[in-house]
Amino acid sequence: MTPIDQTEGTDNVLLDLGFEDAEELTAKVALALKLNELIDQRNLSQTDAAAIIGMTQPKVSQVRRYKLQNISLERLMQALVSLDQHVEIVVQPARREHAPGITVAA
């Protein structure tokens, strides 16, 4: 058996897979996860959710399926605010334990 050449990955699988916009996409997914969780908790249909958050039903469908390429971070944050959430953005110097980049906790 021959050894397999392995490279060490990062903690961002999208970056490891070569997505150029991996950090932004990771942030979008975190926001979409929270948005979908709230929609589920409130038992909202896509049509009802769309009316509350100011998106079209097809856009809500995209969020529900995590098809986030045509939805901005700002739009996802505004949708969360529409569902009575507080969205906070914190900017701080990068430290050794936290490399420069974007992190979203939802």
N, C-alpha and C. Protein backbone atom coordinates (compact mmCIF):
# COMPACT_ATOMS: atom_id res chain seq x y z
N MET A 1 0.84 -1.17 0.00
CA MET A 1 0.00 0.00 0.00
C MET A 1 0.90 1.24 0.00
N THR A 2 0.58 2.19 -0.87
CA THR A 2 1.38 3.41 -0.95
C THR A 2 0.74 4.50 -0.09
N PRO A 3 1.57 5.33 0.53
CA PRO A 3 1.01 6.39 1.37
C PRO A 3 0.28 7.43 0.51
N ILE A 4 -0.78 7.98 1.07
CA ILE A 4 -1.56 9.02 0.39
C ILE A 4 -1.03 10.37 0.84
N ASP A 5 -0.76 11.22 -0.14
CA ASP A 5 -0.29 12.58 0.17
C ASP A 5 -1.46 13.38 0.72
N GLN A 6 -1.35 13.83 1.95
CA GLN A 6 -2.42 14.59 2.57
C GLN A 6 -1.96 15.99 2.87
N THR A 7 -2.86 16.93 2.67
CA THR A 7 -2.58 18.30 3.05
C THR A 7 -3.52 18.66 4.19
N GLU A 8 -3.03 19.45 5.09
CA GLU A 8 -3.85 19.84 6.23
C GLU A 8 -4.86 20.89 5.78
N GLY A 9 -6.09 20.71 6.19
CA GLY A 9 -7.15 21.64 5.84
C GLY A 9 -7.27 22.76 6.86
N THR A 10 -8.14 23.67 6.55
CA THR A 10 -8.45 24.76 7.47
C THR A 10 -9.72 24.39 8.22
N ASP A 11 -10.24 25.31 9.01
CA ASP A 11 -11.51 25.05 9.67
C ASP A 11 -12.69 25.50 8.81
N ASN A 12 -12.42 25.86 7.56
CA ASN A 12 -13.46 26.28 6.63
C ASN A 12 -13.45 25.33 5.43
N VAL A 13 -14.40 24.42 5.41
CA VAL A 13 -14.44 23.41 4.34
C VAL A 13 -14.63 24.06 2.97
N LEU A 14 -15.36 25.17 2.89
CA LEU A 14 -15.58 25.83 1.61
C LEU A 14 -14.27 26.40 1.06
N LEU A 15 -13.44 26.91 1.94
CA LEU A 15 -12.12 27.40 1.55
C LEU A 15 -11.26 26.23 1.07
N ASP A 16 -11.31 25.12 1.80
CA ASP A 16 -10.56 23.92 1.42
C ASP A 16 -10.99 23.38 0.06
N LEU A 17 -12.27 23.56 -0.27
CA LEU A 17 -12.79 23.09 -1.56
C LEU A 17 -12.50 24.07 -2.69
N GLY A 18 -11.91 25.21 -2.38
CA GLY A 18 -11.48 26.14 -3.42
C GLY A 18 -12.47 27.23 -3.78
N PHE A 19 -13.51 27.44 -2.98
CA PHE A 19 -14.45 28.53 -3.27
C PHE A 19 -13.75 29.86 -3.03
N GLU A 20 -13.77 30.72 -4.04
CA GLU A 20 -13.11 32.02 -3.91
C GLU A 20 -13.78 32.91 -2.87
N ASP A 21 -15.10 32.77 -2.74
CA ASP A 21 -15.87 33.59 -1.80
C ASP A 21 -16.25 32.79 -0.56
N ALA A 22 -15.36 31.91 -0.11
CA ALA A 22 -15.65 30.98 0.98
C ALA A 22 -16.05 31.69 2.27
N GLU A 23 -15.36 32.75 2.63
CA GLU A 23 -15.69 33.45 3.87
C GLU A 23 -17.08 34.07 3.81
N GLU A 24 -17.39 34.72 2.70
CA GLU A 24 -18.71 35.33 2.55
C GLU A 24 -19.79 34.26 2.52
N LEU A 25 -19.55 33.19 1.81
CA LEU A 25 -20.54 32.11 1.72
C LEU A 25 -20.75 31.47 3.09
N THR A 26 -19.69 31.31 3.86
CA THR A 26 -19.81 30.76 5.21
C THR A 26 -20.68 31.66 6.09
N ALA A 27 -20.47 32.97 5.97
CA ALA A 27 -21.28 33.92 6.73
C ALA A 27 -22.74 33.85 6.29
N LYS A 28 -22.97 33.77 5.00
CA LYS A 28 -24.34 33.66 4.49
C LYS A 28 -25.03 32.40 5.01
N VAL A 29 -24.32 31.29 5.02
CA VAL A 29 -24.89 30.03 5.49
C VAL A 29 -25.27 30.14 6.97
N ALA A 30 -24.40 30.76 7.77
CA ALA A 30 -24.71 30.92 9.20
C ALA A 30 -25.98 31.75 9.40
N LEU A 31 -26.12 32.82 8.63
CA LEU A 31 -27.31 33.65 8.73
C LEU A 31 -28.55 32.91 8.21
N ALA A 32 -28.40 32.19 7.12
CA ALA A 32 -29.52 31.42 6.56
C ALA A 32 -29.95 30.31 7.52
N LEU A 33 -29.00 29.68 8.20
CA LEU A 33 -29.35 28.66 9.20
C LEU A 33 -30.26 29.26 10.27
N LYS A 34 -29.88 30.41 10.78
CA LYS A 34 -30.69 31.07 11.81
C LYS A 34 -32.04 31.48 11.26
N LEU A 35 -32.06 32.03 10.07
CA LEU A 35 -33.30 32.45 9.44
C LEU A 35 -34.24 31.25 9.25
N ASN A 36 -33.71 30.15 8.75
CA ASN A 36 -34.53 28.96 8.55
C ASN A 36 -35.02 28.40 9.89
N GLU A 37 -34.19 28.47 10.90
CA GLU A 37 -34.59 28.02 12.24
C GLU A 37 -35.79 28.84 12.74
N LEU A 38 -35.73 30.15 12.55
CA LEU A 38 -36.82 31.02 12.99
C LEU A 38 -38.10 30.76 12.20
N ILE A 39 -37.97 30.56 10.90
CA ILE A 39 -39.13 30.25 10.06
C ILE A 39 -39.77 28.95 10.54
N ASP A 40 -38.96 27.95 10.84
CA ASP A 40 -39.48 26.67 11.33
C ASP A 40 -40.14 26.83 12.70
N GLN A 41 -39.49 27.56 13.61
CA GLN A 41 -40.05 27.76 14.96
C GLN A 41 -41.41 28.44 14.91
N ARG A 42 -41.58 29.34 13.97
CA ARG A 42 -42.84 30.08 13.86
C ARG A 42 -43.84 29.40 12.93
N ASN A 43 -43.46 28.25 12.39
CA ASN A 43 -44.33 27.50 11.47
C ASN A 43 -44.84 28.37 10.32
N LEU A 44 -43.95 29.17 9.75
CA LEU A 44 -44.32 30.06 8.65
C LEU A 44 -44.21 29.33 7.32
N SER A 45 -45.18 29.56 6.47
CA SER A 45 -45.04 29.09 5.09
C SER A 45 -44.05 30.02 4.39
N GLN A 46 -43.58 29.62 3.24
CA GLN A 46 -42.66 30.49 2.49
C GLN A 46 -43.35 31.80 2.12
N THR A 47 -44.63 31.74 1.80
CA THR A 47 -45.38 32.95 1.45
C THR A 47 -45.51 33.88 2.65
N ASP A 48 -45.83 33.31 3.81
CA ASP A 48 -45.93 34.12 5.02
C ASP A 48 -44.59 34.72 5.41
N ALA A 49 -43.55 33.90 5.34
CA ALA A 49 -42.20 34.39 5.65
C ALA A 49 -41.81 35.52 4.71
N ALA A 50 -42.10 35.35 3.43
CA ALA A 50 -41.77 36.38 2.44
C ALA A 50 -42.44 37.70 2.77
N ALA A 51 -43.70 37.65 3.18
CA ALA A 51 -44.43 38.88 3.52
C ALA A 51 -43.81 39.58 4.73
N ILE A 52 -43.37 38.80 5.70
CA ILE A 52 -42.81 39.37 6.92
C ILE A 52 -41.41 39.94 6.68
N ILE A 53 -40.58 39.22 5.94
CA ILE A 53 -39.18 39.64 5.79
C ILE A 53 -38.91 40.47 4.55
N GLY A 54 -39.94 40.68 3.73
CA GLY A 54 -39.78 41.57 2.59
C GLY A 54 -39.03 40.97 1.42
N MET A 55 -39.10 39.66 1.28
CA MET A 55 -38.52 38.97 0.13
C MET A 55 -39.66 38.38 -0.69
N THR A 56 -39.35 38.01 -1.89
CA THR A 56 -40.33 37.27 -2.67
C THR A 56 -40.32 35.81 -2.21
N GLN A 57 -41.40 35.09 -2.50
CA GLN A 57 -41.45 33.67 -2.12
C GLN A 57 -40.34 32.88 -2.79
N PRO A 58 -40.00 33.14 -4.07
CA PRO A 58 -38.89 32.40 -4.66
C PRO A 58 -37.55 32.66 -3.95
N LYS A 59 -37.34 33.87 -3.44
CA LYS A 59 -36.10 34.17 -2.69
C LYS A 59 -36.10 33.40 -1.37
N VAL A 60 -37.25 33.34 -0.70
CA VAL A 60 -37.34 32.57 0.54
C VAL A 60 -37.05 31.10 0.24
N SER A 61 -37.54 30.61 -0.87
CA SER A 61 -37.27 29.22 -1.29
C SER A 61 -35.77 29.00 -1.47
N GLN A 62 -35.09 29.98 -2.05
CA GLN A 62 -33.63 29.87 -2.22
C GLN A 62 -32.94 29.79 -0.87
N VAL A 63 -33.37 30.62 0.07
CA VAL A 63 -32.77 30.60 1.41
C VAL A 63 -33.04 29.25 2.07
N ARG A 64 -34.26 28.75 1.94
CA ARG A 64 -34.62 27.47 2.55
C ARG A 64 -33.75 26.33 2.01
N ARG A 65 -33.32 26.45 0.76
CA ARG A 65 -32.47 25.42 0.14
C ARG A 65 -30.99 25.80 0.14
N TYR A 66 -30.64 26.89 0.83
CA TYR A 66 -29.26 27.36 0.95
C TYR A 66 -28.63 27.65 -0.41
N LYS A 67 -29.43 28.13 -1.34
CA LYS A 67 -28.95 28.61 -2.64
C LYS A 67 -28.75 30.12 -2.47
N LEU A 68 -27.59 30.53 -2.01
CA LEU A 68 -27.38 31.89 -1.51
C LEU A 68 -26.55 32.77 -2.42
N GLN A 69 -26.26 32.32 -3.62
CA GLN A 69 -25.39 33.10 -4.50
C GLN A 69 -25.98 34.46 -4.86
N ASN A 70 -27.30 34.56 -5.00
CA ASN A 70 -27.93 35.81 -5.43
C ASN A 70 -28.60 36.56 -4.29
N ILE A 71 -28.20 36.26 -3.07
CA ILE A 71 -28.75 36.93 -1.90
C ILE A 71 -27.59 37.53 -1.11
N SER A 72 -27.68 38.81 -0.81
CA SER A 72 -26.58 39.48 -0.14
C SER A 72 -26.59 39.23 1.37
N LEU A 73 -25.43 39.41 1.97
CA LEU A 73 -25.33 39.34 3.43
C LEU A 73 -26.27 40.37 4.07
N GLU A 74 -26.30 41.55 3.49
CA GLU A 74 -27.15 42.61 4.02
C GLU A 74 -28.61 42.19 4.00
N ARG A 75 -29.04 41.57 2.93
CA ARG A 75 -30.44 41.14 2.80
C ARG A 75 -30.78 40.08 3.85
N LEU A 76 -29.85 39.15 4.09
CA LEU A 76 -30.08 38.12 5.10
C LEU A 76 -30.14 38.74 6.50
N MET A 77 -29.27 39.72 6.77
CA MET A 77 -29.29 40.38 8.07
C MET A 77 -30.60 41.14 8.26
N GLN A 78 -31.06 41.82 7.21
CA GLN A 78 -32.31 42.58 7.30
C GLN A 78 -33.50 41.64 7.51
N ALA A 79 -33.46 40.46 6.90
CA ALA A 79 -34.53 39.48 7.09
C ALA A 79 -34.57 39.04 8.56
N LEU A 80 -33.41 38.84 9.17
CA LEU A 80 -33.36 38.46 10.58
C LEU A 80 -33.92 39.57 11.47
N VAL A 81 -33.60 40.81 11.15
CA VAL A 81 -34.14 41.94 11.90
C VAL A 81 -35.66 41.97 11.79
N SER A 82 -36.17 41.65 10.61
CA SER A 82 -37.62 41.62 10.40
C SER A 82 -38.31 40.56 11.25
N LEU A 83 -37.53 39.56 11.68
CA LEU A 83 -38.06 38.52 12.56
C LEU A 83 -37.64 38.77 14.02
N ASP A 84 -37.49 40.06 14.34
CA ASP A 84 -37.22 40.50 15.72
C ASP A 84 -35.88 40.01 16.28
N GLN A 85 -34.88 39.95 15.43
CA GLN A 85 -33.55 39.55 15.88
C GLN A 85 -32.64 40.77 15.88
N HIS A 86 -31.62 40.72 16.73
CA HIS A 86 -30.60 41.76 16.77
C HIS A 86 -29.36 41.20 16.09
N VAL A 87 -28.91 41.87 15.06
CA VAL A 87 -27.71 41.44 14.33
C VAL A 87 -26.60 42.40 14.69
N GLU A 88 -25.48 41.86 15.14
CA GLU A 88 -24.36 42.68 15.58
C GLU A 88 -23.12 42.33 14.77
N ILE A 89 -22.45 43.34 14.26
CA ILE A 89 -21.21 43.17 13.53
C ILE A 89 -20.09 43.75 14.39
N VAL A 90 -19.07 42.96 14.65
CA VAL A 90 -17.96 43.39 15.49
C VAL A 90 -16.68 43.37 14.66
N VAL A 91 -15.96 44.48 14.67
CA VAL A 91 -14.67 44.57 13.98
C VAL A 91 -13.60 44.70 15.05
N GLN A 92 -12.59 43.84 14.96
CA GLN A 92 -11.50 43.87 15.93
C GLN A 92 -10.22 43.46 15.24
N PRO A 93 -9.08 43.84 15.82
CA PRO A 93 -7.81 43.44 15.21
C PRO A 93 -7.68 41.92 15.18
N ALA A 94 -7.08 41.41 14.12
CA ALA A 94 -6.82 39.97 14.04
C ALA A 94 -5.74 39.62 15.04
N ARG A 95 -5.92 38.53 15.71
CA ARG A 95 -4.94 38.05 16.67
C ARG A 95 -4.41 36.72 16.19
N ARG A 96 -3.39 36.29 16.82
CA ARG A 96 -2.76 35.03 16.42
C ARG A 96 -3.76 33.88 16.38
N GLU A 97 -4.62 33.78 17.40
CA GLU A 97 -5.60 32.69 17.44
C GLU A 97 -6.77 32.91 16.48
N HIS A 98 -6.94 34.13 16.00
CA HIS A 98 -7.98 34.45 15.03
C HIS A 98 -7.34 35.14 13.83
N ALA A 99 -7.17 34.41 12.76
CA ALA A 99 -6.57 34.98 11.55
C ALA A 99 -7.53 36.00 10.96
N PRO A 100 -7.02 36.91 10.13
CA PRO A 100 -7.90 37.86 9.46
C PRO A 100 -9.00 37.12 8.71
N GLY A 101 -10.20 37.63 8.75
CA GLY A 101 -11.29 36.99 8.03
C GLY A 101 -12.64 37.39 8.58
N ILE A 102 -13.66 36.65 8.23
CA ILE A 102 -15.05 36.94 8.62
C ILE A 102 -15.57 35.77 9.43
N THR A 103 -16.20 36.07 10.55
CA THR A 103 -16.82 35.05 11.38
C THR A 103 -18.23 35.50 11.71
N VAL A 104 -19.18 34.60 11.60
CA VAL A 104 -20.56 34.90 11.97
C VAL A 104 -21.00 33.86 12.99
N ALA A 105 -21.53 34.33 14.11
CA ALA A 105 -22.09 33.44 15.11
C ALA A 105 -23.58 33.72 15.18
N ALA A 106 -24.38 32.72 14.91
CA ALA A 106 -25.84 32.92 14.95
C ALA A 106 -26.49 31.92 15.87
